[in-house]
Amino acid sequence: MSLSMKGSKRMANKSVQATLDGPRVYAPGRTDSGRLLSMVFTIRGELVRVVSARDMSKREKKEYERGQSEAADSQDTQV
């Protein structure tokens, strides 16, 4: 399974909290099968450690879809 981060850059930059392992990053995305997931991960050197992965809440879905729409609109105006 892979998670597409296309159009999620704005939301993926949100640090959830700092821990001894380093900052935890929130990253929403869509799987290859279309499932919308919210992930929290931390980066240790060259490794990405997934802390949590779950289905998006209604609020997260709404924000994610809005971000996708804004990303598409941005690409349309650049062409």
N, C-alpha and C. Protein backbone atom coordinates (compact mmCIF):
# COMPACT_ATOMS: atom_id res chain seq x y z
N MET A 1 0.84 -1.18 0.00
CA MET A 1 0.00 0.00 0.00
C MET A 1 0.88 1.24 0.00
N SER A 2 0.49 2.21 -0.77
CA SER A 2 1.21 3.48 -0.75
C SER A 2 0.23 4.60 -0.47
N LEU A 3 0.73 5.70 0.05
CA LEU A 3 -0.09 6.86 0.39
C LEU A 3 0.37 8.02 -0.46
N SER A 4 -0.53 8.57 -1.24
CA SER A 4 -0.21 9.72 -2.08
C SER A 4 -0.30 11.00 -1.26
N MET A 5 0.75 11.82 -1.34
CA MET A 5 0.76 13.07 -0.62
C MET A 5 0.49 14.24 -1.55
N LYS A 6 0.13 13.98 -2.78
CA LYS A 6 -0.11 15.03 -3.77
C LYS A 6 -1.17 16.01 -3.26
N GLY A 7 -0.83 17.28 -3.23
CA GLY A 7 -1.75 18.30 -2.77
C GLY A 7 -1.86 18.42 -1.27
N SER A 8 -1.07 17.65 -0.53
CA SER A 8 -1.16 17.65 0.93
C SER A 8 -0.03 18.41 1.59
N LYS A 9 0.84 19.01 0.81
CA LYS A 9 2.03 19.65 1.37
C LYS A 9 1.70 20.67 2.45
N ARG A 10 0.67 21.46 2.22
CA ARG A 10 0.30 22.50 3.19
C ARG A 10 -0.02 21.87 4.53
N MET A 11 -0.76 20.77 4.54
CA MET A 11 -1.15 20.14 5.79
C MET A 11 -0.04 19.28 6.38
N ALA A 12 0.81 18.72 5.56
CA ALA A 12 1.86 17.84 6.05
C ALA A 12 2.93 18.60 6.82
N ASN A 13 2.97 19.91 6.66
CA ASN A 13 3.97 20.70 7.37
C ASN A 13 3.61 20.96 8.82
N LYS A 14 2.42 20.57 9.23
CA LYS A 14 2.00 20.81 10.60
C LYS A 14 2.66 19.82 11.55
N SER A 15 3.46 20.32 12.46
CA SER A 15 4.06 19.47 13.47
C SER A 15 3.03 19.25 14.57
N VAL A 16 2.79 17.99 14.92
CA VAL A 16 1.80 17.65 15.94
C VAL A 16 2.37 17.91 17.32
N GLN A 17 3.53 17.38 17.61
CA GLN A 17 4.18 17.61 18.89
C GLN A 17 5.63 17.17 18.79
N ALA A 18 6.46 17.74 19.62
CA ALA A 18 7.86 17.33 19.67
C ALA A 18 8.01 16.27 20.75
N THR A 19 8.78 15.22 20.44
CA THR A 19 9.03 14.16 21.40
C THR A 19 10.53 13.92 21.45
N LEU A 20 10.95 12.97 22.26
CA LEU A 20 12.37 12.62 22.31
C LEU A 20 12.84 12.05 20.97
N ASP A 21 11.91 11.48 20.20
CA ASP A 21 12.24 10.92 18.87
C ASP A 21 12.35 12.00 17.80
N GLY A 22 11.96 13.24 18.13
CA GLY A 22 11.94 14.32 17.16
C GLY A 22 10.51 14.78 16.95
N PRO A 23 10.30 15.74 16.06
CA PRO A 23 8.95 16.24 15.83
C PRO A 23 8.07 15.19 15.16
N ARG A 24 6.81 15.17 15.55
CA ARG A 24 5.83 14.30 14.89
C ARG A 24 5.10 15.13 13.86
N VAL A 25 4.94 14.58 12.69
CA VAL A 25 4.35 15.30 11.57
C VAL A 25 3.02 14.67 11.19
N TYR A 26 1.99 15.50 10.99
CA TYR A 26 0.68 15.05 10.55
C TYR A 26 0.66 15.10 9.02
N ALA A 27 0.22 14.01 8.39
CA ALA A 27 0.20 13.97 6.93
C ALA A 27 -1.05 13.24 6.44
N PRO A 28 -2.00 13.97 5.88
CA PRO A 28 -3.17 13.31 5.28
C PRO A 28 -2.83 12.83 3.88
N GLY A 29 -3.55 11.84 3.40
CA GLY A 29 -3.31 11.36 2.04
C GLY A 29 -4.34 10.34 1.60
N ARG A 30 -4.21 9.92 0.35
CA ARG A 30 -5.14 8.95 -0.24
C ARG A 30 -4.35 7.72 -0.67
N THR A 31 -4.85 6.54 -0.32
CA THR A 31 -4.19 5.30 -0.73
C THR A 31 -4.46 5.04 -2.20
N ASP A 32 -3.77 4.06 -2.76
CA ASP A 32 -3.98 3.68 -4.16
C ASP A 32 -5.43 3.26 -4.41
N SER A 33 -6.08 2.71 -3.39
CA SER A 33 -7.48 2.27 -3.55
C SER A 33 -8.48 3.38 -3.25
N GLY A 34 -8.00 4.59 -2.91
CA GLY A 34 -8.88 5.73 -2.70
C GLY A 34 -9.25 6.00 -1.26
N ARG A 35 -8.75 5.22 -0.34
CA ARG A 35 -9.05 5.41 1.09
C ARG A 35 -8.33 6.65 1.61
N LEU A 36 -9.04 7.51 2.35
CA LEU A 36 -8.45 8.72 2.92
C LEU A 36 -7.93 8.42 4.32
N LEU A 37 -6.62 8.62 4.52
CA LEU A 37 -5.99 8.32 5.81
C LEU A 37 -5.32 9.55 6.39
N SER A 38 -5.27 9.59 7.71
CA SER A 38 -4.49 10.57 8.45
C SER A 38 -3.34 9.82 9.09
N MET A 39 -2.13 10.30 8.83
CA MET A 39 -0.95 9.64 9.40
C MET A 39 -0.18 10.62 10.26
N VAL A 40 0.44 10.08 11.29
CA VAL A 40 1.38 10.83 12.11
C VAL A 40 2.68 10.03 12.06
N PHE A 41 3.78 10.72 11.75
CA PHE A 41 5.05 10.02 11.67
C PHE A 41 6.18 10.90 12.19
N THR A 42 7.30 10.27 12.43
CA THR A 42 8.51 10.98 12.81
C THR A 42 9.64 10.48 11.92
N ILE A 43 10.63 11.29 11.71
CA ILE A 43 11.77 10.90 10.87
C ILE A 43 12.99 10.74 11.76
N ARG A 44 13.60 9.57 11.67
CA ARG A 44 14.83 9.27 12.41
C ARG A 44 15.93 8.99 11.39
N GLY A 45 16.78 9.97 11.17
CA GLY A 45 17.83 9.80 10.17
C GLY A 45 17.20 9.60 8.81
N GLU A 46 17.44 8.44 8.21
CA GLU A 46 16.87 8.13 6.90
C GLU A 46 15.59 7.31 6.99
N LEU A 47 15.14 7.01 8.22
CA LEU A 47 13.96 6.19 8.41
C LEU A 47 12.74 7.04 8.75
N VAL A 48 11.59 6.62 8.25
CA VAL A 48 10.32 7.23 8.60
C VAL A 48 9.60 6.24 9.50
N ARG A 49 9.28 6.67 10.71
CA ARG A 49 8.59 5.81 11.68
C ARG A 49 7.13 6.26 11.78
N VAL A 50 6.20 5.41 11.34
CA VAL A 50 4.78 5.72 11.41
C VAL A 50 4.32 5.51 12.84
N VAL A 51 3.75 6.56 13.42
CA VAL A 51 3.24 6.51 14.78
C VAL A 51 1.77 6.09 14.78
N SER A 52 1.00 6.62 13.81
CA SER A 52 -0.42 6.35 13.73
C SER A 52 -0.90 6.49 12.29
N ALA A 53 -1.84 5.64 11.91
CA ALA A 53 -2.51 5.75 10.60
C ALA A 53 -3.96 5.34 10.82
N ARG A 54 -4.88 6.22 10.43
CA ARG A 54 -6.30 5.96 10.65
C ARG A 54 -7.13 6.64 9.57
N ASP A 55 -8.40 6.25 9.47
CA ASP A 55 -9.31 6.92 8.54
C ASP A 55 -9.49 8.37 8.98
N MET A 56 -9.62 9.25 8.00
CA MET A 56 -9.83 10.67 8.30
C MET A 56 -11.20 10.90 8.92
N SER A 57 -11.27 11.88 9.81
CA SER A 57 -12.56 12.31 10.36
C SER A 57 -13.28 13.13 9.29
N LYS A 58 -14.55 13.44 9.52
CA LYS A 58 -15.31 14.25 8.56
C LYS A 58 -14.64 15.61 8.36
N ARG A 59 -14.18 16.22 9.44
CA ARG A 59 -13.53 17.53 9.35
C ARG A 59 -12.24 17.43 8.55
N GLU A 60 -11.44 16.38 8.79
CA GLU A 60 -10.19 16.19 8.06
C GLU A 60 -10.45 15.96 6.57
N LYS A 61 -11.49 15.17 6.26
CA LYS A 61 -11.84 14.93 4.85
C LYS A 61 -12.19 16.24 4.15
N LYS A 62 -12.98 17.07 4.83
CA LYS A 62 -13.39 18.35 4.25
C LYS A 62 -12.17 19.23 3.98
N GLU A 63 -11.26 19.32 4.95
CA GLU A 63 -10.06 20.12 4.79
C GLU A 63 -9.15 19.55 3.70
N TYR A 64 -9.02 18.23 3.65
CA TYR A 64 -8.18 17.58 2.64
C TYR A 64 -8.73 17.86 1.24
N GLU A 65 -10.06 17.67 1.06
CA GLU A 65 -10.67 17.89 -0.25
C GLU A 65 -10.53 19.35 -0.66
N ARG A 66 -10.65 20.28 0.30
CA ARG A 66 -10.46 21.70 -0.02
C ARG A 66 -9.02 21.94 -0.49
N GLY A 67 -8.05 21.31 0.18
CA GLY A 67 -6.65 21.43 -0.23
C GLY A 67 -6.40 20.85 -1.61
N GLN A 68 -7.06 19.74 -1.93
CA GLN A 68 -6.93 19.13 -3.25
C GLN A 68 -7.48 20.06 -4.31
N SER A 69 -8.63 20.68 -4.01
CA SER A 69 -9.26 21.60 -4.95
C SER A 69 -8.37 22.82 -5.18
N GLU A 70 -7.80 23.36 -4.10
CA GLU A 70 -6.91 24.53 -4.22
C GLU A 70 -5.66 24.19 -5.02
N ALA A 71 -5.13 22.97 -4.82
CA ALA A 71 -3.94 22.55 -5.55
C ALA A 71 -4.24 22.43 -7.04
N ALA A 72 -5.41 21.89 -7.37
CA ALA A 72 -5.83 21.75 -8.78
C ALA A 72 -6.02 23.14 -9.39
N ASP A 73 -6.65 24.05 -8.66
CA ASP A 73 -6.86 25.41 -9.17
C ASP A 73 -5.52 26.11 -9.40
N SER A 74 -4.58 25.90 -8.51
CA SER A 74 -3.26 26.50 -8.62
C SER A 74 -2.54 25.99 -9.87
N GLN A 75 -2.67 24.69 -10.15
CA GLN A 75 -2.03 24.11 -11.34
C GLN A 75 -2.67 24.65 -12.61
N ASP A 76 -3.99 24.86 -12.57
CA ASP A 76 -4.70 25.38 -13.75
C ASP A 76 -4.24 26.80 -14.09
N THR A 77 -3.98 27.61 -13.08
CA THR A 77 -3.58 28.98 -13.33
C THR A 77 -2.12 29.09 -13.76
N GLN A 78 -1.30 28.06 -13.47
CA GLN A 78 0.11 28.07 -13.85
C GLN A 78 0.31 27.63 -15.29
N VAL A 79 -0.64 26.94 -15.86
CA VAL A 79 -0.52 26.40 -17.22
C VAL A 79 -0.80 27.44 -18.26
